[in-house]
Structures are given as structure tokens and as C-alpha cells.
Amino acid sequence: MSLDAVMKRSWPAVYAYIRASGRRSDEAMDLTQAFICDVFLARRLLEKADQARGRFRTLLIGAVRNYLADVHRRANATTRMPKGGISAIDDYKAKGFDVTGDESVGSSPERAFNARYVAEIIRVASERLQRELESAGDGVSWELFRLRVLHAAFQGDATGYDQIAPRLGIDKGTCAARLLTAKRRFANILMEELRATMIDPNDLRDEVADLMALLNNR
């Protein structure tokens, strides 16, 4: 996975950790940008990850914790900003995603980090599934997955087949069958995305178990 891809996936979780540590939203964003410059880029975090052969999520959360311990002045968060900003963050904002809300407030930094990390993995996998299904002309299956799976995971409720089937013009049995196919493909995509974050492939099973536990605790 490229450095830019890793930064795009990781920075919302870094922001959530910093925000939950008690920083204001603007200060947390400044510190997130500084962390990317100082640790991801200047200290070559990915190279250290390859050498450490541990799980990247564990390495990342430790790096953020240590970075905050070293920060004494807020000025440190603005003096190292590269001209033009950081593309990983700018691209995220341009697409309309917002991680600067207050969902991290009141959570422990570790819990906020893990919740956002899980959300990012699922977002990336869901976007891949959506592109695949819609490019194959199967927007119906994507809509089923969105209403039945994503709504349940992130909003706490799932639209019933009695409501979905008439809207999509198919019967409930077809809804269930197509949703099952979409779920299976999503599971495969999710495994591929998780595998891409693994420094040691042997950690994949443990990371999947952790992901499911974190998702259930959202």
C-alpha cells in the first residue's frame, strides 16, 4: 500500500485520538497534520513498521500517544505544515467527509482511535463494493447493502424488507438472496483491505477478530 493511501486511511483515526485527548477541534487538526509531517514523513513510520513486524494499527496508536507526549506548544503543530497542505486530508475534505465533529469527545483516546479506524476500513471497503456493483449495473444490490448493513452498523437500525422490496421493485426472497451475495463480496473486499494493512500476514486472523469486536462495541 502506498504512503498516500496509508495516510488517507489513517489520519481520521489519528485525529479522533487527539481530539479525545482533550484538544479543541482546530488544535486537533493542527496536531494531526503535524503528526503526519513529523512522524509519517520525517520519521518514516512505514519503514519502522516493516522493521518492527507488528500490527500497523498497534504501531500507529503508540506513535500518536508518544507524539502527544512530546508536544509542548501548539506552535509545533503549525510550523511544519508543507506548502499546499497535505493531500490525504485535503482529498478527504473535498469529498465531503467530516471527522471534526464531537463524537470523540467523552471517549478515551484509544476507544476514539479504534472506532474511527474501524469506520475507515469499512468506508473504504464499502466504496469498493459500491463501485463494483454499480459498474456491473447492480445498483439494487448496493442499495440493499446500504440500507440493511451499513445503516444497522452505523445508525443502529436496518430498513425492513417490507419497505425495501416495493421500493426496489423486487420480492423479499430476491432481496435476501442478492443481499447475501453482496455481503459475501463485501467480506472478501474487507479481508483484502485488512491484508493490505498487515505488516505480518500471520496477524490477519487476530486483526479480523479485533475488528469484529470493535465493530460490535460501536
Foldseek 3Di string as FASTA:
>chain_A
DDLLVCLLLQLLLLLLLQVQVPDALVLSVLQSQLCCQVPVPVVVQVVVCLVVQDFVLVSVVVSSVVSVVVDDDSVSSPPRADPPGRVSVVVCVVVPDDSSDCPSHPPHSVLRSLLSSLVSLLVVLLVVLCVVCVVVVNNLLNVLCCQAPVCCQPVVDHDDQVVSCVVSVHHSVVSVVSPVVSVVSSVVSSLVSLCVSRSHNVCSVVVVVVSVVSSVVD
